[in-house]
Amino acid sequence: MLLLPYSETKVSVSQLQRKIETLERLRGEANQVNSKCNDLKAQIDAHVAAKRNALAKASALEIQLRNAQEGDPVQASRIAKLETGLLKMKAEVMDARIEAEEVRAKADKKVAIYLKDDAEARTKLRGASYRERRRNEYARCKSRRETLEEIHGKGFDFSEKIEQAKVDEFDAKFLVSDAKENEEGDNKGAIP
């Protein structure tokens, strides 16, 4: 088993560490988004509870109004007061409903944006990881071929193994260049 030179291994590990840190940062951002989403849902629930409370008060006022209308005609001022209170309650219910819908729409929009950004970041990270594996495979094949050529230069006959190592190196190099072309093709469609 041949090992990669220390400098190539160190670079690969540090690049992988940066990618892991990026993924952890993205997970942290996703957790923040989930927390914000939960806060917005709690606000919506509070608005719904306020709406239900206002509806209950409105129903109570309607009952009082009916009772007052059935009672003494002297209570006309009280009836007018109850009707005014009922109209105010209905207005509050409508305001709470509109506000809850606005909060829900904003929350849905923010969640959609964060989910899209998260998906794009994950796709980029998978692509970078794929390219890094291809580069490491190419470096391993190249190192193996060079080692076999050194041993062959010392008088050992590894002609077949060297030829196979060249084929493996060519295949790995092709995969690296293919990954690079795919990356460039993806970047051409992106807006700078």
N, C-alpha and C. Protein backbone atom coordinates (compact mmCIF):
# COMPACT_ATOMS: atom_id res chain seq x y z
N MET A 1 0.85 -1.18 0.00
CA MET A 1 0.00 0.00 0.00
C MET A 1 0.88 1.22 0.00
N LEU A 2 0.66 2.10 -0.93
CA LEU A 2 1.45 3.32 -1.04
C LEU A 2 0.71 4.46 -0.38
N LEU A 3 1.45 5.31 0.26
CA LEU A 3 0.85 6.46 0.93
C LEU A 3 1.10 7.71 0.11
N LEU A 4 0.19 8.64 0.22
CA LEU A 4 0.37 9.93 -0.47
C LEU A 4 1.48 10.70 0.24
N PRO A 5 2.18 11.52 -0.46
CA PRO A 5 3.19 12.37 0.20
C PRO A 5 2.50 13.20 1.27
N TYR A 6 3.26 13.54 2.31
CA TYR A 6 2.70 14.24 3.48
C TYR A 6 2.03 15.55 3.09
N SER A 7 2.63 16.31 2.19
CA SER A 7 2.07 17.62 1.83
C SER A 7 0.71 17.47 1.15
N GLU A 8 0.55 16.47 0.26
CA GLU A 8 -0.75 16.26 -0.40
C GLU A 8 -1.79 15.82 0.61
N THR A 9 -1.40 14.96 1.56
CA THR A 9 -2.33 14.49 2.58
C THR A 9 -2.75 15.64 3.47
N LYS A 10 -1.80 16.48 3.83
CA LYS A 10 -2.11 17.61 4.71
C LYS A 10 -3.07 18.57 4.02
N VAL A 11 -2.85 18.85 2.77
CA VAL A 11 -3.74 19.75 2.03
C VAL A 11 -5.13 19.14 1.94
N SER A 12 -5.21 17.87 1.67
CA SER A 12 -6.51 17.21 1.54
C SER A 12 -7.26 17.24 2.86
N VAL A 13 -6.57 16.98 3.95
CA VAL A 13 -7.23 16.98 5.25
C VAL A 13 -7.69 18.39 5.60
N SER A 14 -6.86 19.40 5.34
CA SER A 14 -7.27 20.77 5.66
C SER A 14 -8.44 21.21 4.80
N GLN A 15 -8.44 20.80 3.54
CA GLN A 15 -9.58 21.14 2.68
C GLN A 15 -10.83 20.45 3.17
N LEU A 16 -10.69 19.20 3.57
CA LEU A 16 -11.84 18.46 4.08
C LEU A 16 -12.32 19.09 5.39
N GLN A 17 -11.39 19.54 6.23
CA GLN A 17 -11.77 20.19 7.48
C GLN A 17 -12.55 21.47 7.21
N ARG A 18 -12.13 22.26 6.20
CA ARG A 18 -12.87 23.49 5.85
C ARG A 18 -14.27 23.13 5.39
N LYS A 19 -14.37 22.07 4.62
CA LYS A 19 -15.69 21.67 4.12
C LYS A 19 -16.59 21.22 5.27
N ILE A 20 -16.01 20.51 6.23
CA ILE A 20 -16.78 20.08 7.40
C ILE A 20 -17.22 21.30 8.20
N GLU A 21 -16.33 22.28 8.36
CA GLU A 21 -16.71 23.50 9.08
C GLU A 21 -17.81 24.24 8.35
N THR A 22 -17.74 24.27 7.01
CA THR A 22 -18.80 24.92 6.23
C THR A 22 -20.12 24.20 6.44
N LEU A 23 -20.09 22.89 6.43
CA LEU A 23 -21.31 22.11 6.65
C LEU A 23 -21.87 22.37 8.04
N GLU A 24 -21.00 22.44 9.05
CA GLU A 24 -21.46 22.72 10.41
C GLU A 24 -22.06 24.12 10.49
N ARG A 25 -21.46 25.08 9.81
CA ARG A 25 -22.00 26.45 9.79
C ARG A 25 -23.38 26.45 9.16
N LEU A 26 -23.52 25.70 8.04
CA LEU A 26 -24.83 25.64 7.37
C LEU A 26 -25.87 24.96 8.26
N ARG A 27 -25.45 23.93 9.00
CA ARG A 27 -26.39 23.28 9.92
C ARG A 27 -26.82 24.27 11.00
N GLY A 28 -25.87 25.07 11.51
CA GLY A 28 -26.21 26.09 12.51
C GLY A 28 -27.21 27.08 11.96
N GLU A 29 -27.00 27.51 10.71
CA GLU A 29 -27.94 28.45 10.08
C GLU A 29 -29.30 27.79 9.92
N ALA A 30 -29.32 26.51 9.55
CA ALA A 30 -30.61 25.81 9.40
C ALA A 30 -31.32 25.73 10.75
N ASN A 31 -30.56 25.50 11.83
CA ASN A 31 -31.17 25.46 13.17
C ASN A 31 -31.73 26.83 13.54
N GLN A 32 -31.02 27.90 13.18
CA GLN A 32 -31.54 29.25 13.44
C GLN A 32 -32.83 29.49 12.68
N VAL A 33 -32.87 29.04 11.44
CA VAL A 33 -34.09 29.20 10.63
C VAL A 33 -35.23 28.44 11.27
N ASN A 34 -34.96 27.21 11.72
CA ASN A 34 -36.01 26.43 12.38
C ASN A 34 -36.49 27.14 13.64
N SER A 35 -35.57 27.74 14.40
CA SER A 35 -35.95 28.47 15.60
C SER A 35 -36.82 29.67 15.25
N LYS A 36 -36.42 30.42 14.21
CA LYS A 36 -37.23 31.56 13.77
C LYS A 36 -38.61 31.10 13.31
N CYS A 37 -38.64 29.99 12.60
CA CYS A 37 -39.91 29.45 12.11
C CYS A 37 -40.81 29.08 13.29
N ASN A 38 -40.21 28.46 14.32
CA ASN A 38 -41.00 28.11 15.50
C ASN A 38 -41.52 29.36 16.20
N ASP A 39 -40.70 30.42 16.28
CA ASP A 39 -41.15 31.68 16.87
C ASP A 39 -42.33 32.25 16.09
N LEU A 40 -42.21 32.23 14.76
CA LEU A 40 -43.31 32.75 13.94
C LEU A 40 -44.57 31.91 14.11
N LYS A 41 -44.41 30.61 14.23
CA LYS A 41 -45.57 29.75 14.45
C LYS A 41 -46.21 30.07 15.80
N ALA A 42 -45.39 30.35 16.81
CA ALA A 42 -45.92 30.71 18.13
C ALA A 42 -46.70 32.03 18.04
N GLN A 43 -46.18 32.98 17.25
CA GLN A 43 -46.91 34.24 17.05
C GLN A 43 -48.24 33.98 16.36
N ILE A 44 -48.24 33.12 15.37
CA ILE A 44 -49.49 32.80 14.66
C ILE A 44 -50.48 32.17 15.64
N ASP A 45 -49.98 31.24 16.47
CA ASP A 45 -50.87 30.61 17.45
C ASP A 45 -51.44 31.64 18.42
N ALA A 46 -50.62 32.61 18.83
CA ALA A 46 -51.10 33.66 19.73
C ALA A 46 -52.18 34.49 19.06
N HIS A 47 -51.98 34.80 17.77
CA HIS A 47 -53.00 35.56 17.03
C HIS A 47 -54.29 34.76 16.89
N VAL A 48 -54.15 33.47 16.65
CA VAL A 48 -55.34 32.62 16.53
C VAL A 48 -56.08 32.58 17.87
N ALA A 49 -55.32 32.47 18.97
CA ALA A 49 -55.95 32.46 20.29
C ALA A 49 -56.66 33.79 20.56
N ALA A 50 -56.02 34.89 20.17
CA ALA A 50 -56.64 36.21 20.35
C ALA A 50 -57.92 36.31 19.51
N LYS A 51 -57.87 35.75 18.31
CA LYS A 51 -59.05 35.76 17.45
C LYS A 51 -60.18 34.97 18.09
N ARG A 52 -59.86 33.80 18.62
CA ARG A 52 -60.89 32.98 19.27
C ARG A 52 -61.48 33.70 20.48
N ASN A 53 -60.60 34.35 21.23
CA ASN A 53 -61.05 35.10 22.41
C ASN A 53 -61.98 36.23 22.00
N ALA A 54 -61.60 36.94 20.93
CA ALA A 54 -62.44 38.04 20.44
C ALA A 54 -63.77 37.51 19.94
N LEU A 55 -63.76 36.36 19.27
CA LEU A 55 -65.02 35.77 18.81
C LEU A 55 -65.91 35.38 19.99
N ALA A 56 -65.31 34.85 21.04
CA ALA A 56 -66.08 34.47 22.23
C ALA A 56 -66.70 35.71 22.87
N LYS A 57 -65.92 36.80 22.93
CA LYS A 57 -66.46 38.06 23.49
C LYS A 57 -67.57 38.59 22.60
N ALA A 58 -67.38 38.48 21.30
CA ALA A 58 -68.42 38.97 20.39
C ALA A 58 -69.70 38.17 20.56
N SER A 59 -69.57 36.88 20.72
CA SER A 59 -70.75 36.04 20.93
C SER A 59 -71.45 36.42 22.23
N ALA A 60 -70.68 36.67 23.28
CA ALA A 60 -71.27 37.09 24.56
C ALA A 60 -71.99 38.42 24.41
N LEU A 61 -71.41 39.34 23.66
CA LEU A 61 -72.06 40.65 23.44
C LEU A 61 -73.35 40.49 22.64
N GLU A 62 -73.32 39.59 21.66
CA GLU A 62 -74.54 39.35 20.88
C GLU A 62 -75.65 38.80 21.78
N ILE A 63 -75.29 37.89 22.68
CA ILE A 63 -76.29 37.35 23.60
C ILE A 63 -76.83 38.46 24.50
N GLN A 64 -75.93 39.29 25.00
CA GLN A 64 -76.38 40.40 25.84
C GLN A 64 -77.28 41.35 25.06
N LEU A 65 -76.92 41.58 23.78
CA LEU A 65 -77.72 42.47 22.95
C LEU A 65 -79.13 41.91 22.75
N ARG A 66 -79.21 40.61 22.45
CA ARG A 66 -80.52 39.99 22.27
C ARG A 66 -81.35 40.07 23.55
N ASN A 67 -80.69 39.80 24.66
CA ASN A 67 -81.40 39.88 25.95
C ASN A 67 -81.87 41.31 26.21
N ALA A 68 -81.04 42.28 25.87
CA ALA A 68 -81.42 43.68 26.09
C ALA A 68 -82.56 44.08 25.18
N GLN A 69 -82.54 43.62 23.92
CA GLN A 69 -83.61 43.97 22.98
C GLN A 69 -84.94 43.37 23.42
N GLU A 70 -84.90 42.19 23.98
CA GLU A 70 -86.13 41.54 24.45
C GLU A 70 -86.65 42.20 25.72
N GLY A 71 -85.79 42.89 26.44
CA GLY A 71 -86.18 43.49 27.71
C GLY A 71 -86.84 44.85 27.54
N ASP A 72 -86.61 45.69 28.46
CA ASP A 72 -87.24 47.01 28.60
C ASP A 72 -86.78 47.96 27.49
N PRO A 73 -87.72 48.68 26.82
CA PRO A 73 -87.31 49.64 25.79
C PRO A 73 -86.52 50.82 26.34
N VAL A 74 -86.47 50.97 27.64
CA VAL A 74 -85.72 52.06 28.26
C VAL A 74 -84.21 51.83 28.10
N GLN A 75 -83.83 50.63 27.83
CA GLN A 75 -82.40 50.30 27.75
C GLN A 75 -81.84 50.55 26.35
N ALA A 76 -82.36 51.45 25.60
CA ALA A 76 -81.90 51.74 24.24
C ALA A 76 -80.45 52.18 24.22
N SER A 77 -80.05 52.99 25.20
CA SER A 77 -78.65 53.44 25.23
C SER A 77 -77.70 52.27 25.48
N ARG A 78 -78.14 51.35 26.34
CA ARG A 78 -77.31 50.17 26.61
C ARG A 78 -77.21 49.30 25.37
N ILE A 79 -78.27 49.18 24.61
CA ILE A 79 -78.26 48.41 23.36
C ILE A 79 -77.30 49.04 22.37
N ALA A 80 -77.35 50.35 22.24
CA ALA A 80 -76.45 51.05 21.31
C ALA A 80 -74.99 50.83 21.72
N LYS A 81 -74.73 50.86 23.04
CA LYS A 81 -73.38 50.65 23.55
C LYS A 81 -72.90 49.23 23.22
N LEU A 82 -73.78 48.26 23.42
CA LEU A 82 -73.43 46.88 23.12
C LEU A 82 -73.17 46.67 21.62
N GLU A 83 -74.00 47.32 20.79
CA GLU A 83 -73.80 47.21 19.35
C GLU A 83 -72.45 47.80 18.94
N THR A 84 -72.08 48.93 19.54
CA THR A 84 -70.78 49.55 19.27
C THR A 84 -69.64 48.61 19.69
N GLY A 85 -69.80 48.02 20.88
CA GLY A 85 -68.78 47.07 21.35
C GLY A 85 -68.67 45.87 20.44
N LEU A 86 -69.81 45.40 19.94
CA LEU A 86 -69.82 44.26 19.02
C LEU A 86 -69.09 44.60 17.73
N LEU A 87 -69.34 45.79 17.19
CA LEU A 87 -68.65 46.21 15.96
C LEU A 87 -67.14 46.32 16.18
N LYS A 88 -66.74 46.83 17.36
CA LYS A 88 -65.31 46.93 17.67
C LYS A 88 -64.67 45.54 17.74
N MET A 89 -65.39 44.60 18.37
CA MET A 89 -64.87 43.24 18.48
C MET A 89 -64.71 42.59 17.10
N LYS A 90 -65.69 42.80 16.25
CA LYS A 90 -65.60 42.24 14.90
C LYS A 90 -64.42 42.84 14.15
N ALA A 91 -64.18 44.13 14.33
CA ALA A 91 -63.04 44.78 13.69
C ALA A 91 -61.73 44.20 14.22
N GLU A 92 -61.66 43.96 15.53
CA GLU A 92 -60.46 43.38 16.13
C GLU A 92 -60.21 41.97 15.58
N VAL A 93 -61.27 41.21 15.43
CA VAL A 93 -61.14 39.86 14.88
C VAL A 93 -60.58 39.92 13.46
N MET A 94 -61.11 40.82 12.66
CA MET A 94 -60.62 40.94 11.28
C MET A 94 -59.16 41.37 11.25
N ASP A 95 -58.80 42.34 12.13
CA ASP A 95 -57.40 42.78 12.19
C ASP A 95 -56.48 41.64 12.60
N ALA A 96 -56.91 40.86 13.60
CA ALA A 96 -56.09 39.73 14.06
C ALA A 96 -55.95 38.69 12.95
N ARG A 97 -57.00 38.45 12.22
CA ARG A 97 -56.96 37.48 11.12
C ARG A 97 -55.99 37.94 10.03
N ILE A 98 -56.08 39.21 9.66
CA ILE A 98 -55.18 39.76 8.63
C ILE A 98 -53.73 39.69 9.08
N GLU A 99 -53.50 40.06 10.33
CA GLU A 99 -52.13 40.05 10.86
C GLU A 99 -51.57 38.63 10.90
N ALA A 100 -52.39 37.68 11.30
CA ALA A 100 -51.94 36.28 11.34
C ALA A 100 -51.60 35.78 9.94
N GLU A 101 -52.39 36.15 8.96
CA GLU A 101 -52.11 35.73 7.58
C GLU A 101 -50.82 36.36 7.07
N GLU A 102 -50.58 37.63 7.42
CA GLU A 102 -49.34 38.30 7.00
C GLU A 102 -48.12 37.63 7.63
N VAL A 103 -48.22 37.33 8.93
CA VAL A 103 -47.10 36.67 9.62
C VAL A 103 -46.84 35.30 9.01
N ARG A 104 -47.90 34.55 8.73
CA ARG A 104 -47.74 33.23 8.12
C ARG A 104 -47.09 33.33 6.74
N ALA A 105 -47.51 34.31 5.94
CA ALA A 105 -46.93 34.47 4.60
C ALA A 105 -45.45 34.82 4.69
N LYS A 106 -45.09 35.71 5.62
CA LYS A 106 -43.68 36.08 5.79
C LYS A 106 -42.86 34.87 6.24
N ALA A 107 -43.41 34.10 7.18
CA ALA A 107 -42.69 32.92 7.68
C ALA A 107 -42.50 31.91 6.56
N ASP A 108 -43.53 31.66 5.77
CA ASP A 108 -43.41 30.71 4.67
C ASP A 108 -42.36 31.16 3.66
N LYS A 109 -42.33 32.46 3.39
CA LYS A 109 -41.36 32.99 2.42
C LYS A 109 -39.93 32.80 2.94
N LYS A 110 -39.71 33.14 4.22
CA LYS A 110 -38.37 33.01 4.80
C LYS A 110 -37.93 31.54 4.83
N VAL A 111 -38.82 30.67 5.21
CA VAL A 111 -38.48 29.24 5.27
C VAL A 111 -38.13 28.73 3.87
N ALA A 112 -38.88 29.15 2.86
CA ALA A 112 -38.61 28.71 1.49
C ALA A 112 -37.22 29.18 1.04
N ILE A 113 -36.88 30.42 1.36
CA ILE A 113 -35.56 30.96 0.98
C ILE A 113 -34.45 30.18 1.68
N TYR A 114 -34.59 29.96 2.99
CA TYR A 114 -33.55 29.24 3.72
C TYR A 114 -33.42 27.79 3.24
N LEU A 115 -34.54 27.15 2.94
CA LEU A 115 -34.47 25.78 2.44
C LEU A 115 -33.78 25.72 1.08
N LYS A 116 -34.05 26.71 0.23
CA LYS A 116 -33.41 26.75 -1.08
C LYS A 116 -31.90 26.96 -0.92
N ASP A 117 -31.51 27.91 -0.05
CA ASP A 117 -30.09 28.17 0.18
C ASP A 117 -29.40 26.94 0.76
N ASP A 118 -30.08 26.27 1.68
CA ASP A 118 -29.52 25.07 2.29
C ASP A 118 -29.30 23.98 1.24
N ALA A 119 -30.28 23.79 0.36
CA ALA A 119 -30.16 22.77 -0.69
C ALA A 119 -29.01 23.10 -1.64
N GLU A 120 -28.87 24.37 -2.01
CA GLU A 120 -27.78 24.77 -2.90
C GLU A 120 -26.43 24.53 -2.24
N ALA A 121 -26.32 24.87 -0.95
CA ALA A 121 -25.05 24.68 -0.24
C ALA A 121 -24.70 23.20 -0.15
N ARG A 122 -25.70 22.37 0.11
CA ARG A 122 -25.44 20.93 0.18
C ARG A 122 -24.99 20.38 -1.17
N THR A 123 -25.60 20.86 -2.25
CA THR A 123 -25.22 20.42 -3.59
C THR A 123 -23.78 20.81 -3.89
N LYS A 124 -23.41 22.04 -3.56
CA LYS A 124 -22.03 22.49 -3.79
C LYS A 124 -21.05 21.67 -2.97
N LEU A 125 -21.41 21.39 -1.73
CA LEU A 125 -20.52 20.63 -0.86
C LEU A 125 -20.34 19.21 -1.39
N ARG A 126 -21.43 18.58 -1.87
CA ARG A 126 -21.31 17.24 -2.45
C ARG A 126 -20.41 17.27 -3.68
N GLY A 127 -20.55 18.31 -4.53
CA GLY A 127 -19.71 18.42 -5.72
C GLY A 127 -18.25 18.59 -5.36
N ALA A 128 -17.98 19.44 -4.36
CA ALA A 128 -16.60 19.66 -3.95
C ALA A 128 -16.01 18.38 -3.36
N SER A 129 -16.80 17.65 -2.59
CA SER A 129 -16.33 16.39 -2.02
C SER A 129 -16.03 15.38 -3.13
N TYR A 130 -16.89 15.31 -4.14
CA TYR A 130 -16.69 14.40 -5.27
C TYR A 130 -15.38 14.74 -6.00
N ARG A 131 -15.18 16.04 -6.29
CA ARG A 131 -13.96 16.46 -6.99
C ARG A 131 -12.72 16.15 -6.16
N GLU A 132 -12.81 16.35 -4.85
CA GLU A 132 -11.68 16.08 -3.98
C GLU A 132 -11.34 14.59 -3.98
N ARG A 133 -12.34 13.72 -3.97
CA ARG A 133 -12.08 12.28 -4.03
C ARG A 133 -11.40 11.91 -5.35
N ARG A 134 -11.85 12.51 -6.45
CA ARG A 134 -11.25 12.24 -7.77
C ARG A 134 -9.79 12.69 -7.78
N ARG A 135 -9.50 13.86 -7.22
CA ARG A 135 -8.12 14.37 -7.19
C ARG A 135 -7.23 13.44 -6.34
N ASN A 136 -7.75 13.01 -5.22
CA ASN A 136 -6.98 12.11 -4.36
C ASN A 136 -6.71 10.79 -5.07
N GLU A 137 -7.70 10.28 -5.78
CA GLU A 137 -7.53 9.03 -6.53
C GLU A 137 -6.45 9.20 -7.61
N TYR A 138 -6.48 10.33 -8.31
CA TYR A 138 -5.47 10.60 -9.34
C TYR A 138 -4.08 10.67 -8.71
N ALA A 139 -3.95 11.38 -7.58
CA ALA A 139 -2.65 11.51 -6.92
C ALA A 139 -2.15 10.14 -6.47
N ARG A 140 -3.06 9.29 -5.97
CA ARG A 140 -2.67 7.96 -5.53
C ARG A 140 -2.17 7.13 -6.71
N CYS A 141 -2.89 7.17 -7.85
CA CYS A 141 -2.48 6.40 -9.05
C CYS A 141 -1.14 6.90 -9.59
N LYS A 142 -0.98 8.21 -9.60
CA LYS A 142 0.28 8.79 -10.11
C LYS A 142 1.45 8.37 -9.21
N SER A 143 1.24 8.45 -7.90
CA SER A 143 2.28 8.07 -6.96
C SER A 143 2.64 6.59 -7.11
N ARG A 144 1.64 5.74 -7.31
CA ARG A 144 1.88 4.30 -7.49
C ARG A 144 2.70 4.05 -8.75
N ARG A 145 2.32 4.73 -9.87
CA ARG A 145 3.06 4.55 -11.12
C ARG A 145 4.51 5.00 -10.94
N GLU A 146 4.71 6.15 -10.31
CA GLU A 146 6.07 6.66 -10.13
C GLU A 146 6.91 5.70 -9.28
N THR A 147 6.29 5.15 -8.25
CA THR A 147 7.01 4.20 -7.39
C THR A 147 7.38 2.95 -8.18
N LEU A 148 6.43 2.44 -8.98
CA LEU A 148 6.72 1.25 -9.79
C LEU A 148 7.83 1.54 -10.81
N GLU A 149 7.83 2.75 -11.39
CA GLU A 149 8.89 3.09 -12.35
C GLU A 149 10.24 3.18 -11.65
N GLU A 150 10.27 3.68 -10.41
CA GLU A 150 11.52 3.74 -9.66
C GLU A 150 12.05 2.32 -9.40
N ILE A 151 11.12 1.44 -8.99
CA ILE A 151 11.52 0.04 -8.73
C ILE A 151 11.98 -0.61 -10.03
N HIS A 152 11.29 -0.34 -11.14
CA HIS A 152 11.67 -0.87 -12.45
C HIS A 152 13.05 -0.36 -12.85
N GLY A 153 13.33 0.91 -12.50
CA GLY A 153 14.64 1.49 -12.82
C GLY A 153 15.77 0.82 -12.06
N LYS A 154 15.45 0.13 -10.98
CA LYS A 154 16.47 -0.56 -10.18
C LYS A 154 16.67 -2.00 -10.62
N GLY A 155 16.04 -2.36 -11.73
CA GLY A 155 16.29 -3.67 -12.31
C GLY A 155 15.18 -4.68 -12.15
N PHE A 156 14.10 -4.35 -11.50
CA PHE A 156 12.99 -5.29 -11.35
C PHE A 156 12.04 -5.09 -12.52
N ASP A 157 11.46 -6.20 -12.99
CA ASP A 157 10.57 -6.12 -14.15
C ASP A 157 9.11 -5.99 -13.70
N PHE A 158 8.64 -4.75 -13.74
CA PHE A 158 7.25 -4.45 -13.40
C PHE A 158 6.56 -3.81 -14.59
N SER A 159 6.93 -4.22 -15.80
CA SER A 159 6.39 -3.61 -17.01
C SER A 159 4.87 -3.67 -17.05
N GLU A 160 4.30 -4.85 -16.76
CA GLU A 160 2.84 -4.99 -16.81
C GLU A 160 2.17 -4.13 -15.75
N LYS A 161 2.72 -4.12 -14.55
CA LYS A 161 2.14 -3.33 -13.48
C LYS A 161 2.26 -1.84 -13.78
N ILE A 162 3.37 -1.43 -14.40
CA ILE A 162 3.55 -0.02 -14.76
C ILE A 162 2.52 0.37 -15.82
N GLU A 163 2.31 -0.49 -16.80
CA GLU A 163 1.31 -0.19 -17.84
C GLU A 163 -0.08 -0.07 -17.22
N GLN A 164 -0.41 -1.02 -16.31
CA GLN A 164 -1.72 -0.96 -15.65
C GLN A 164 -1.81 0.32 -14.80
N ALA A 165 -0.73 0.69 -14.13
CA ALA A 165 -0.72 1.91 -13.32
C ALA A 165 -0.93 3.14 -14.20
N LYS A 166 -0.33 3.14 -15.42
CA LYS A 166 -0.53 4.26 -16.34
C LYS A 166 -1.99 4.35 -16.78
N VAL A 167 -2.60 3.19 -17.05
CA VAL A 167 -4.02 3.17 -17.43
C VAL A 167 -4.87 3.70 -16.28
N ASP A 168 -4.58 3.22 -15.05
CA ASP A 168 -5.33 3.68 -13.88
C ASP A 168 -5.15 5.19 -13.69
N GLU A 169 -3.92 5.67 -13.85
CA GLU A 169 -3.64 7.10 -13.70
C GLU A 169 -4.39 7.91 -14.76
N PHE A 170 -4.39 7.41 -16.01
CA PHE A 170 -5.10 8.11 -17.08
C PHE A 170 -6.59 8.19 -16.76
N ASP A 171 -7.17 7.06 -16.32
CA ASP A 171 -8.60 7.04 -15.98
C ASP A 171 -8.89 8.04 -14.86
N ALA A 172 -8.05 8.05 -13.83
CA ALA A 172 -8.27 8.96 -12.70
C ALA A 172 -8.12 10.41 -13.15
N LYS A 173 -7.13 10.66 -14.03
CA LYS A 173 -6.94 12.03 -14.52
C LYS A 173 -8.15 12.45 -15.36
N PHE A 174 -8.70 11.53 -16.13
CA PHE A 174 -9.90 11.82 -16.92
C PHE A 174 -11.07 12.19 -16.01
N LEU A 175 -11.25 11.44 -14.93
CA LEU A 175 -12.34 11.74 -13.99
C LEU A 175 -12.14 13.11 -13.33
N VAL A 176 -10.87 13.45 -13.02
CA VAL A 176 -10.60 14.77 -12.43
C VAL A 176 -10.94 15.86 -13.43
N SER A 177 -10.51 15.69 -14.69
CA SER A 177 -10.80 16.73 -15.69
C SER A 177 -12.29 16.80 -15.99
N ASP A 178 -12.98 15.66 -15.96
CA ASP A 178 -14.43 15.65 -16.17
C ASP A 178 -15.14 16.39 -15.03
N ALA A 179 -14.69 16.16 -13.80
CA ALA A 179 -15.28 16.86 -12.64
C ALA A 179 -15.02 18.35 -12.75
N LYS A 180 -13.83 18.72 -13.22
CA LYS A 180 -13.49 20.13 -13.37
C LYS A 180 -14.35 20.79 -14.45
N GLU A 181 -14.56 20.09 -15.58
CA GLU A 181 -15.41 20.63 -16.65
C GLU A 181 -16.84 20.78 -16.17
N ASN A 182 -17.34 19.82 -15.38
CA ASN A 182 -18.69 19.92 -14.83
C ASN A 182 -18.79 21.13 -13.90
N GLU A 183 -17.75 21.34 -13.10
CA GLU A 183 -17.74 22.49 -12.19
C GLU A 183 -17.77 23.80 -12.98
N GLU A 184 -16.96 23.87 -14.04
CA GLU A 184 -16.93 25.09 -14.85
C GLU A 184 -18.26 25.28 -15.56
N GLY A 185 -18.86 24.20 -16.03
CA GLY A 185 -20.18 24.29 -16.69
C GLY A 185 -21.22 24.80 -15.71
N ASP A 186 -21.17 24.34 -14.44
CA ASP A 186 -22.11 24.82 -13.42
C ASP A 186 -21.89 26.28 -13.14
N ASN A 187 -20.63 26.72 -13.13
CA ASN A 187 -20.34 28.12 -12.83
C ASN A 187 -20.72 29.04 -13.98
N LYS A 188 -20.73 28.55 -15.23
CA LYS A 188 -21.10 29.40 -16.36
C LYS A 188 -22.57 29.80 -16.28
N GLY A 189 -23.41 28.91 -15.78
CA GLY A 189 -24.84 29.20 -15.67
C GLY A 189 -25.14 30.09 -14.46
N ALA A 190 -24.17 30.23 -13.54
CA ALA A 190 -24.42 31.02 -12.33
C ALA A 190 -24.28 32.50 -12.64
N ILE A 191 -24.98 33.30 -11.89
CA ILE A 191 -24.89 34.74 -12.03
C ILE A 191 -23.74 35.21 -11.16
N PRO A 192 -22.76 35.97 -11.73
CA PRO A 192 -21.59 36.37 -10.93
C PRO A 192 -21.96 37.36 -9.86
